Amino acid sequence: MIVAFGIAVVLTVALTTYFSRTFTGRAIKAVGQDEGALRLMGANPVKIKQLAFGIATGVNALAGAMLIIVGPVEPMLDRVYIGRTFCVVVLAGLGELPLKVTIGTYDRIRAQMAQQDAEAAQKAENPPAPE
């Protein structure tokens, strides 16, 4: 799980730096807001969209590989993550990547602590039978 977390942190820092410091990264952020203005700046919106699709595909593939490291994967797994993911995006907004990471990390730690509390309460209610 630490490997997955480390890769996620490195990927987040790399993408944040790429999107904020390079012309292409800023063009990817801008293509959804004003395609005409981006064309006037000398960037081809179709190429930018293709590049953004490629980056998104690569990040999703890496996220899937890291998810396999964290736990078992089955077809109905999306139900576990979709609500939390939606809440993180709504709370942090669509453009604030560091804030999303912070909220997501907090949510995961809180969920892990709640799960440990529930397991401890269950053990307290059902102590092992004496032999």
Protein backbone atom coordinates (compact mmCIF):
# COMPACT_ATOMS: atom_id res chain seq x y z
CA MET A 1 0.00 0.00 0.00
CA ILE A 2 2.93 2.34 0.64
CA VAL A 3 4.21 1.76 -2.89
CA ALA A 4 0.83 2.77 -4.32
CA PHE A 5 0.75 5.86 -2.12
CA GLY A 6 4.29 6.82 -3.15
CA ILE A 7 3.51 6.44 -6.84
CA ALA A 8 0.32 8.48 -6.38
CA VAL A 9 2.25 11.30 -4.70
CA VAL A 10 4.93 11.32 -7.40
CA LEU A 11 2.30 11.27 -10.16
CA THR A 12 0.34 14.08 -8.51
CA VAL A 13 3.40 16.30 -8.18
CA ALA A 14 4.48 15.53 -11.75
CA LEU A 15 1.06 16.27 -13.24
CA THR A 16 0.58 19.42 -11.18
CA THR A 17 3.96 20.70 -12.29
CA TYR A 18 3.32 19.74 -15.91
CA PHE A 19 -0.11 21.39 -16.02
CA SER A 20 1.02 24.61 -14.37
CA ARG A 21 4.50 25.17 -15.83
CA THR A 22 4.38 24.06 -19.48
CA PHE A 23 2.61 25.59 -22.46
CA THR A 24 1.10 22.23 -23.37
CA GLY A 25 -0.14 21.66 -19.82
CA ARG A 26 -1.79 25.06 -19.71
CA ALA A 27 -3.23 24.40 -23.17
CA ILE A 28 -4.81 21.18 -21.87
CA LYS A 29 -6.43 23.15 -19.05
CA ALA A 30 -7.54 25.88 -21.46
CA VAL A 31 -8.98 23.74 -24.24
CA GLY A 32 -12.12 23.05 -22.24
CA GLN A 33 -12.71 26.71 -21.44
CA ASP A 34 -12.16 28.55 -24.70
CA GLU A 35 -11.13 26.53 -27.73
CA GLY A 36 -11.15 29.58 -30.01
CA ALA A 37 -8.76 31.54 -27.82
CA LEU A 38 -6.46 28.52 -27.64
CA ARG A 39 -6.43 28.38 -31.44
CA LEU A 40 -5.49 32.08 -31.51
CA MET A 41 -2.58 31.30 -29.18
CA GLY A 42 -1.15 28.97 -31.82
CA ALA A 43 -2.13 25.57 -30.41
CA ASN A 44 -4.13 22.97 -32.31
CA PRO A 45 -7.10 22.06 -30.06
CA VAL A 46 -7.52 18.64 -31.69
CA LYS A 47 -3.91 17.69 -30.93
CA ILE A 48 -4.24 19.03 -27.40
CA LYS A 49 -7.38 16.95 -26.83
CA GLN A 50 -5.62 13.86 -28.18
CA LEU A 51 -2.69 14.45 -25.84
CA ALA A 52 -5.04 14.98 -22.88
CA PHE A 53 -6.83 11.72 -23.73
CA GLY A 54 -3.49 9.90 -23.84
CA ILE A 55 -2.42 11.31 -20.47
CA ALA A 56 -5.79 10.43 -18.93
CA THR A 57 -5.59 6.89 -20.30
CA GLY A 58 -2.09 6.41 -18.93
CA VAL A 59 -3.00 7.79 -15.50
CA ASN A 60 -6.08 5.56 -15.34
CA ALA A 61 -4.06 2.50 -16.30
CA LEU A 62 -1.52 3.29 -13.60
CA ALA A 63 -4.31 3.88 -11.06
CA GLY A 64 -5.81 0.50 -11.93
CA ALA A 65 -2.46 -1.19 -11.47
CA MET A 66 -2.03 0.48 -8.08
CA LEU A 67 -5.57 -0.53 -7.08
CA ILE A 68 -4.66 -4.17 -7.68
CA ILE A 69 -1.74 -3.74 -5.25
CA VAL A 70 -4.03 -2.29 -2.56
CA GLY A 71 -6.71 -4.98 -2.60
CA PRO A 72 -8.72 -7.48 -4.60
CA VAL A 73 -10.50 -6.21 -7.70
CA GLU A 74 -13.91 -7.41 -8.81
CA PRO A 75 -16.53 -6.08 -11.25
CA MET A 76 -18.69 -4.40 -8.59
CA LEU A 77 -15.77 -2.51 -7.02
CA ASP A 78 -16.91 0.80 -8.52
CA ARG A 79 -19.71 1.06 -5.98
CA VAL A 80 -17.15 1.37 -3.20
CA TYR A 81 -15.29 4.32 -4.75
CA ILE A 82 -17.81 6.26 -6.84
CA GLY A 83 -19.53 8.07 -3.96
CA ARG A 84 -16.31 9.10 -2.27
CA THR A 85 -14.75 10.19 -5.56
CA PHE A 86 -17.78 12.33 -6.37
CA CYS A 87 -17.68 13.95 -2.92
CA VAL A 88 -13.97 14.76 -3.20
CA VAL A 89 -14.42 16.40 -6.60
CA VAL A 90 -17.44 18.40 -5.43
CA LEU A 91 -15.70 19.56 -2.23
CA ALA A 92 -12.40 20.46 -3.88
CA GLY A 93 -13.63 21.75 -7.23
CA LEU A 94 -12.51 20.62 -10.65
CA GLY A 95 -9.28 22.59 -10.83
CA GLU A 96 -7.67 22.23 -7.42
CA LEU A 97 -5.55 19.06 -7.63
CA PRO A 98 -3.58 19.50 -4.36
CA LEU A 99 -6.81 20.15 -2.44
CA LYS A 100 -8.36 17.00 -3.94
CA VAL A 101 -5.37 14.95 -2.85
CA THR A 102 -5.59 16.38 0.68
CA ILE A 103 -9.32 15.70 0.99
CA GLY A 104 -8.97 12.24 -0.54
CA THR A 105 -6.14 11.33 1.83
CA TYR A 106 -8.11 12.57 4.82
CA ASP A 107 -11.19 10.60 3.70
CA ARG A 108 -9.19 7.41 3.29
CA ILE A 109 -7.53 7.75 6.71
CA ARG A 110 -10.92 8.48 8.30
CA ALA A 111 -12.49 5.44 6.60
CA GLN A 112 -9.61 3.22 7.73
CA MET A 113 -9.97 4.42 11.32
CA ALA A 114 -13.74 3.83 11.23
CA GLN A 115 -13.17 0.31 9.94
CA GLN A 116 -10.68 -0.41 12.74
CA ASP A 117 -13.14 0.95 15.33
CA ALA A 118 -15.91 -1.26 13.95
CA GLU A 119 -13.68 -4.34 14.07
CA ALA A 120 -12.64 -3.56 17.65
CA ALA A 121 -16.28 -3.09 18.70
CA GLN A 122 -17.21 -6.38 17.05
CA LYS A 123 -14.42 -8.18 18.90
CA ALA A 124 -15.54 -6.62 22.18
CA GLU A 125 -19.11 -7.81 21.62
CA ASN A 126 -18.09 -11.32 20.63
CA PRO A 127 -15.11 -12.35 22.75
CA PRO A 128 -13.46 -15.65 21.83
CA ALA A 129 -14.97 -18.68 23.53
CA PRO A 130 -12.84 -20.18 26.31
CA GLU A 131 -11.35 -23.57 25.51
